[in-house]
């Protein structure tokens, strides 16, 4: 099977990433009309035939997340009713991923609800990257290709030749990723212990590991408001660490996160284009593109092969 029957369409959330993916594959971006009625309802029209085609819809759940979710559901329905052979979702950032379990009584498991919505609408497959909780893959009854940006980020960090590095996990949940990065860089790693009082509100209580006199490389899956990261940076500084590097796959960047992360104790913020961020941003921000990774995944799905070949240092 070749890319002849592959058609790639972009939702309104991140068309630049979709354009880069299409350029990597050497296929034109599909033509789709997305508009809004005066009432705010979403309209979708594919301006080319998708009958018997393998359709790939690229949509990231960035702000406004609910708008982008409903838009994707409508795009799936339109493709299904237009007789697409398969409908494959490329979701660079999977929304509601932090609500993957009940942390308190009478809470929803919103990540599972999202999986049910996408599957019921007609999705055949999901391709995503660095889920907040890898177990979310099990919420789907369709294939899920879970990619990781660890190789991309680690190669970039290695090229910096950072002296006396220490890889830091901002919480116990990121410890495995921090350990993997530390092994790649052949550097020690440390873990921050924090107490969370509310959503996006936490205080650092302990640091496990030696950070004094070292350059911390903080690894996260996402950065939302940036408040917790700044507390981690300041906590490391108080313990004698040098200025930090921040690495994260998903730049959610709610509120004034961009301004907050333009911090004198942060040397560089390394992120990907899983979510589009403003072109005008502080110089300390470096954006790595996921286009090559996603395009290779699409090529393997269409032509056959193993997704694990995309992981230099092991998958997730």
Protein backbone atom coordinates (compact mmCIF):
# COMPACT_ATOMS: atom_id res chain seq x y z
CA UNK A 1 0.00 0.00 0.00
CA UNK A 2 1.36 3.44 -0.93
CA UNK A 3 0.48 6.96 0.13
CA UNK A 4 -1.73 7.26 -2.95
CA UNK A 5 -4.92 6.75 -0.94
CA UNK A 6 -3.71 8.80 2.04
CA UNK A 7 -5.38 12.16 2.62
CA UNK A 8 -4.37 14.45 5.45
CA UNK A 9 -6.65 17.21 6.74
CA UNK A 10 -6.06 19.79 9.43
CA UNK A 11 -8.45 21.01 12.04
CA UNK A 12 -8.16 24.65 13.05
CA UNK A 13 -5.92 24.02 16.08
CA UNK A 14 -2.49 23.57 14.48
CA UNK A 15 -2.45 23.88 10.66
CA UNK A 16 1.30 24.70 10.60
CA UNK A 17 2.17 21.29 12.06
CA UNK A 18 -0.15 19.62 9.54
CA UNK A 19 1.55 21.51 6.72
CA UNK A 20 4.96 20.32 7.94
CA UNK A 21 3.72 16.70 8.13
CA UNK A 22 2.40 16.90 4.57
CA UNK A 23 5.70 18.40 3.37
CA UNK A 24 7.63 15.54 5.01
CA UNK A 25 5.39 12.99 3.26
CA UNK A 26 5.33 14.82 -0.06
CA UNK A 27 1.53 14.90 -0.19
CA UNK A 28 -0.72 17.97 -0.47
CA UNK A 29 -2.79 19.01 2.52
CA UNK A 30 -6.41 18.05 2.04
CA UNK A 31 -8.95 20.76 1.39
CA UNK A 32 -11.64 21.12 4.02
CA UNK A 33 -13.92 24.03 4.81
CA UNK A 34 -14.37 24.70 8.52
CA UNK A 35 -16.61 27.59 9.52
CA UNK A 36 -19.05 28.73 12.18
CA UNK A 37 -22.71 29.61 11.93
CA UNK A 38 -23.80 32.82 13.63
CA UNK A 39 -25.08 30.69 16.52
CA UNK A 40 -21.53 29.35 17.05
CA UNK A 41 -22.29 25.88 15.66
CA UNK A 42 -19.50 24.29 13.61
CA UNK A 43 -19.75 23.49 9.89
CA UNK A 44 -17.46 21.10 8.02
CA UNK A 45 -17.26 20.33 4.28
CA UNK A 46 -14.57 18.23 2.60
CA UNK A 47 -13.83 19.95 -0.69
CA UNK A 48 -12.47 16.80 -2.30
CA UNK A 49 -13.54 13.16 -2.39
CA UNK A 50 -12.44 10.90 0.46
CA UNK A 51 -14.31 7.78 -0.73
CA UNK A 52 -12.25 4.64 -0.02
CA UNK A 53 -9.37 6.79 1.25
CA UNK A 54 -7.34 6.49 4.44
CA UNK A 55 -8.08 9.85 6.04
CA UNK A 56 -5.78 11.39 8.68
CA UNK A 57 -7.23 14.22 10.74
CA UNK A 58 -4.69 16.35 12.64
CA UNK A 59 -6.16 18.13 15.64
CA UNK A 60 -4.56 19.06 18.94
CA UNK A 61 -6.69 19.85 21.97
CA UNK A 62 -5.31 23.29 22.68
CA UNK A 63 -7.28 26.31 23.86
CA UNK A 64 -10.23 26.49 23.30
CA UNK A 65 -10.12 22.75 23.96
CA UNK A 66 -13.88 22.09 23.84
CA UNK A 67 -14.23 23.97 20.55
CA UNK A 68 -11.45 21.90 18.99
CA UNK A 69 -12.93 18.68 20.36
CA UNK A 70 -16.37 19.27 18.86
CA UNK A 71 -14.80 20.38 15.58
CA UNK A 72 -12.90 17.08 15.39
CA UNK A 73 -16.03 15.05 16.17
CA UNK A 74 -17.83 16.80 13.31
CA UNK A 75 -14.87 16.22 10.96
CA UNK A 76 -14.94 12.51 11.85
CA UNK A 77 -18.67 12.29 11.18
CA UNK A 78 -18.34 14.09 7.84
CA UNK A 79 -15.53 11.74 6.75
CA UNK A 80 -17.49 8.67 7.82
CA UNK A 81 -20.58 9.77 5.90
CA UNK A 82 -18.37 10.52 2.86
CA UNK A 83 -17.31 6.83 2.79
CA UNK A 84 -13.72 7.18 3.99
CA UNK A 85 -12.12 3.74 4.34
CA UNK A 86 -10.38 4.54 7.62
CA UNK A 87 -10.39 7.64 9.82
CA UNK A 88 -7.10 8.07 11.66
CA UNK A 89 -6.72 10.75 14.30
CA UNK A 90 -3.37 12.46 14.79
CA UNK A 91 -3.71 14.01 18.25
CA UNK A 92 -0.43 15.72 19.17
CA UNK A 93 -1.89 16.71 22.54
CA UNK A 94 -4.67 14.58 24.02
CA UNK A 95 -6.96 16.79 26.06
CA UNK A 96 -8.39 15.89 29.47
CA UNK A 97 -5.46 13.52 29.99
CA UNK A 98 -4.98 14.72 33.59
CA UNK A 99 -8.45 13.41 34.40
CA UNK A 100 -7.57 9.75 33.83
CA UNK A 101 -8.67 8.45 37.25
CA UNK A 102 -10.89 9.35 40.16
CA UNK A 103 -8.77 11.28 42.61
CA UNK A 104 -11.79 12.22 44.73
CA UNK A 105 -15.35 10.94 45.19
CA UNK A 106 -17.93 11.88 42.52
CA UNK A 107 -15.32 12.93 39.94
CA UNK A 108 -15.53 11.93 36.26
CA UNK A 109 -12.87 10.04 34.34
CA UNK A 110 -12.91 12.54 31.50
CA UNK A 111 -10.04 10.99 29.53
CA UNK A 112 -12.14 7.82 29.15
CA UNK A 113 -15.19 9.82 28.13
CA UNK A 114 -13.12 11.51 25.42
CA UNK A 115 -11.94 8.13 24.13
CA UNK A 116 -15.55 6.91 23.96
CA UNK A 117 -16.66 10.04 22.10
CA UNK A 118 -13.93 9.74 19.47
CA UNK A 119 -14.51 6.03 18.94
CA UNK A 120 -18.29 6.33 18.76
CA UNK A 121 -17.99 9.17 16.25
CA UNK A 122 -16.13 6.79 13.93
CA UNK A 123 -12.36 6.96 14.54
CA UNK A 124 -10.42 3.90 13.34
CA UNK A 125 -7.06 4.67 14.97
CA UNK A 126 -5.37 7.23 17.22
CA UNK A 127 -1.78 8.47 16.90
CA UNK A 128 -0.67 10.58 19.84
CA UNK A 129 2.47 11.47 21.77
CA UNK A 130 3.54 11.52 25.42
CA UNK A 131 0.22 10.95 27.11
CA UNK A 132 0.09 12.28 30.66
CA UNK A 133 -0.79 8.73 31.72
CA UNK A 134 0.19 5.91 29.31
CA UNK A 135 -2.71 3.80 30.63
CA UNK A 136 -5.07 6.06 28.64
CA UNK A 137 -4.22 3.83 25.65
CA UNK A 138 -6.37 1.18 27.31
CA UNK A 139 -9.41 3.49 27.26
CA UNK A 140 -9.69 2.88 23.50
CA UNK A 141 -10.99 -0.24 21.75
CA UNK A 142 -9.20 0.80 18.56
CA UNK A 143 -5.43 0.83 17.84
CA UNK A 144 -3.46 3.57 19.59
CA UNK A 145 0.07 4.42 18.44
CA UNK A 146 1.70 6.14 21.39
CA UNK A 147 4.82 8.04 20.31
CA UNK A 148 7.36 9.87 22.44
CA UNK A 149 9.37 13.05 21.98
CA UNK A 150 12.11 11.78 24.31
CA UNK A 151 14.50 11.01 21.45
CA UNK A 152 13.96 14.43 19.89
CA UNK A 153 14.47 16.28 23.16
CA UNK A 154 17.43 14.20 24.32
CA UNK A 155 19.27 14.64 21.01
CA UNK A 156 18.84 18.39 21.29
CA UNK A 157 20.00 18.48 24.92
CA UNK A 158 23.03 16.31 24.09
CA UNK A 159 24.02 18.78 21.39
CA UNK A 160 24.21 21.54 24.05
CA UNK A 161 27.09 19.78 25.90
CA UNK A 162 25.78 21.05 29.23
CA UNK A 163 28.46 20.86 31.95
CA UNK A 164 27.64 19.02 35.22
CA UNK A 165 24.02 18.22 34.30
CA UNK A 166 21.46 16.65 36.61
CA UNK A 167 18.10 15.49 35.24
CA UNK A 168 15.25 16.49 37.53
CA UNK A 169 11.78 15.02 37.74
CA UNK A 170 9.39 17.67 39.10
CA UNK A 171 7.33 14.94 40.77
CA UNK A 172 7.31 11.18 41.33
CA UNK A 173 5.07 10.65 38.30
CA UNK A 174 7.81 11.80 35.90
CA UNK A 175 10.54 9.75 37.60
CA UNK A 176 10.70 7.05 34.93
CA UNK A 177 11.04 9.61 32.12
CA UNK A 178 13.70 11.50 34.09
CA UNK A 179 15.63 8.29 34.69
CA UNK A 180 15.46 7.42 30.97
CA UNK A 181 16.78 10.86 30.02
CA UNK A 182 19.49 10.63 32.67
CA UNK A 183 20.62 7.28 31.26
CA UNK A 184 20.74 8.71 27.73
CA UNK A 185 22.78 11.70 28.91
CA UNK A 186 24.81 9.57 31.35
CA UNK A 187 23.94 12.06 34.06
CA UNK A 188 22.59 11.73 37.63
CA UNK A 189 18.93 12.46 38.32
CA UNK A 190 16.90 13.92 41.15
CA UNK A 191 13.25 13.93 42.15
CA UNK A 192 11.26 16.81 43.60
CA UNK A 193 8.58 15.96 46.14
CA UNK A 194 5.68 18.39 46.10
CA UNK A 195 2.44 18.85 47.96
CA UNK A 196 -0.51 19.84 45.78
CA UNK A 197 -3.19 22.04 47.34
CA UNK A 198 -5.35 22.54 44.26
CA UNK A 199 -5.18 22.34 40.46
CA UNK A 200 -2.03 24.16 39.25
CA UNK A 201 -1.04 24.91 42.87
CA UNK A 202 1.80 23.00 44.55
CA UNK A 203 4.67 23.54 46.97
CA UNK A 204 8.06 21.80 46.82
CA UNK A 205 8.76 20.01 50.11
CA UNK A 206 11.84 17.84 49.42
CA UNK A 207 14.53 17.18 46.83
CA UNK A 208 15.88 13.64 46.54
CA UNK A 209 19.31 13.75 44.91
CA UNK A 210 22.34 16.05 44.77
CA UNK A 211 21.76 19.23 42.76
CA UNK A 212 24.25 21.64 44.34
CA UNK A 213 26.60 23.15 41.79
CA UNK A 214 24.92 21.30 38.90
CA UNK A 215 22.83 22.44 35.94
CA UNK A 216 19.32 21.00 36.28
CA UNK A 217 17.47 19.67 33.23
CA UNK A 218 13.81 19.50 34.24
CA UNK A 219 11.74 17.08 32.16
CA UNK A 220 7.92 17.27 32.01
CA UNK A 221 5.21 15.96 29.70
CA UNK A 222 3.37 19.31 29.71
CA UNK A 223 3.56 22.82 31.09
CA UNK A 224 0.22 24.44 31.84
CA UNK A 225 0.27 27.65 33.87
CA UNK A 226 3.99 27.36 34.62
CA UNK A 227 3.46 28.02 38.33
CA UNK A 228 4.69 24.63 39.53
CA UNK A 229 7.73 24.71 37.23
CA UNK A 230 8.77 28.12 38.58
CA UNK A 231 8.53 26.77 42.14
CA UNK A 232 10.71 23.82 41.09
CA UNK A 233 13.26 26.21 39.54
CA UNK A 234 13.32 28.42 42.62
CA UNK A 235 13.50 25.38 44.92
CA UNK A 236 16.52 24.06 43.02
CA UNK A 237 18.17 27.48 43.13
CA UNK A 238 17.71 27.61 46.92
CA UNK A 239 19.55 24.28 47.13
CA UNK A 240 22.59 25.58 45.26
CA UNK A 241 21.77 24.53 41.69
CA UNK A 242 22.70 26.59 38.66
CA UNK A 243 20.19 28.05 36.19
CA UNK A 244 17.86 25.42 34.69
CA UNK A 245 16.86 23.98 31.35
CA UNK A 246 13.15 23.13 31.06
CA UNK A 247 12.04 20.37 28.65
CA UNK A 248 8.43 19.49 27.90
CA UNK A 249 6.50 17.95 25.02
CA UNK A 250 3.28 19.93 25.36
CA UNK A 251 3.31 23.74 25.76
CA UNK A 252 -0.25 24.16 27.04
CA UNK A 253 0.74 27.60 28.39
CA UNK A 254 -2.47 28.78 30.03
CA UNK A 255 -2.84 32.40 31.11
CA UNK A 256 0.45 34.29 31.38
CA UNK A 257 2.64 31.15 31.30
CA UNK A 258 4.87 32.53 28.51
CA UNK A 259 5.72 35.60 30.56
CA UNK A 260 6.09 33.57 33.76
CA UNK A 261 8.57 31.18 32.13
CA UNK A 262 10.71 34.10 30.90
CA UNK A 263 12.48 33.73 34.24
CA UNK A 264 16.05 34.81 34.99
CA UNK A 265 16.89 31.38 36.49
CA UNK A 266 15.77 29.52 33.35
CA UNK A 267 18.40 29.29 30.62
CA UNK A 268 16.19 27.69 28.00
CA UNK A 269 12.69 26.25 27.61
CA UNK A 270 12.69 23.36 25.12
CA UNK A 271 9.25 22.40 23.83
CA UNK A 272 7.65 20.88 20.73
CA UNK A 273 5.02 22.12 18.29
CA UNK A 274 2.37 19.69 19.56
CA UNK A 275 0.52 22.89 20.42
CA UNK A 276 0.94 26.10 18.44
CA UNK A 277 2.43 28.98 20.43
CA UNK A 278 2.86 32.61 19.35
CA UNK A 279 5.66 33.39 16.92
CA UNK A 280 6.57 36.37 19.06
CA UNK A 281 7.99 34.73 22.16
CA UNK A 282 11.04 35.24 24.40
CA UNK A 283 14.35 34.11 22.94
CA UNK A 284 14.84 31.50 25.66
CA UNK A 285 12.09 29.34 24.05
CA UNK A 286 13.18 26.65 21.56
CA UNK A 287 10.51 24.78 19.58
CA UNK A 288 11.32 21.34 18.14
CA UNK A 289 9.00 20.06 15.40
CA UNK A 290 7.20 16.71 15.66
CA UNK A 291 6.46 16.68 11.92
CA UNK A 292 9.17 14.14 11.05
CA UNK A 293 8.03 11.77 13.81
CA UNK A 294 4.34 11.95 12.87
CA UNK A 295 5.04 11.68 9.14
CA UNK A 296 7.12 8.53 9.69
CA UNK A 297 4.32 7.05 11.81
CA UNK A 298 1.79 7.75 9.05
CA UNK A 299 4.12 6.21 6.46
CA UNK A 300 4.50 3.04 8.56
CA UNK A 301 0.73 2.78 9.06
CA UNK A 302 0.14 3.11 5.34
CA UNK A 303 3.01 0.98 4.05
CA UNK A 304 3.44 -1.50 6.90
CA UNK A 305 6.17 -1.95 9.46
CA UNK A 306 6.76 -1.46 13.16
CA UNK A 307 6.13 1.81 14.99
CA UNK A 308 8.80 0.79 17.52
CA UNK A 309 11.48 1.45 14.89
CA UNK A 310 10.83 5.16 15.48
CA UNK A 311 12.19 4.93 19.03
CA UNK A 312 15.94 5.20 19.30
CA UNK A 313 16.06 4.77 23.06
CA UNK A 314 12.93 2.67 23.56
CA UNK A 315 9.23 3.46 23.39
CA UNK A 316 6.70 4.42 26.03
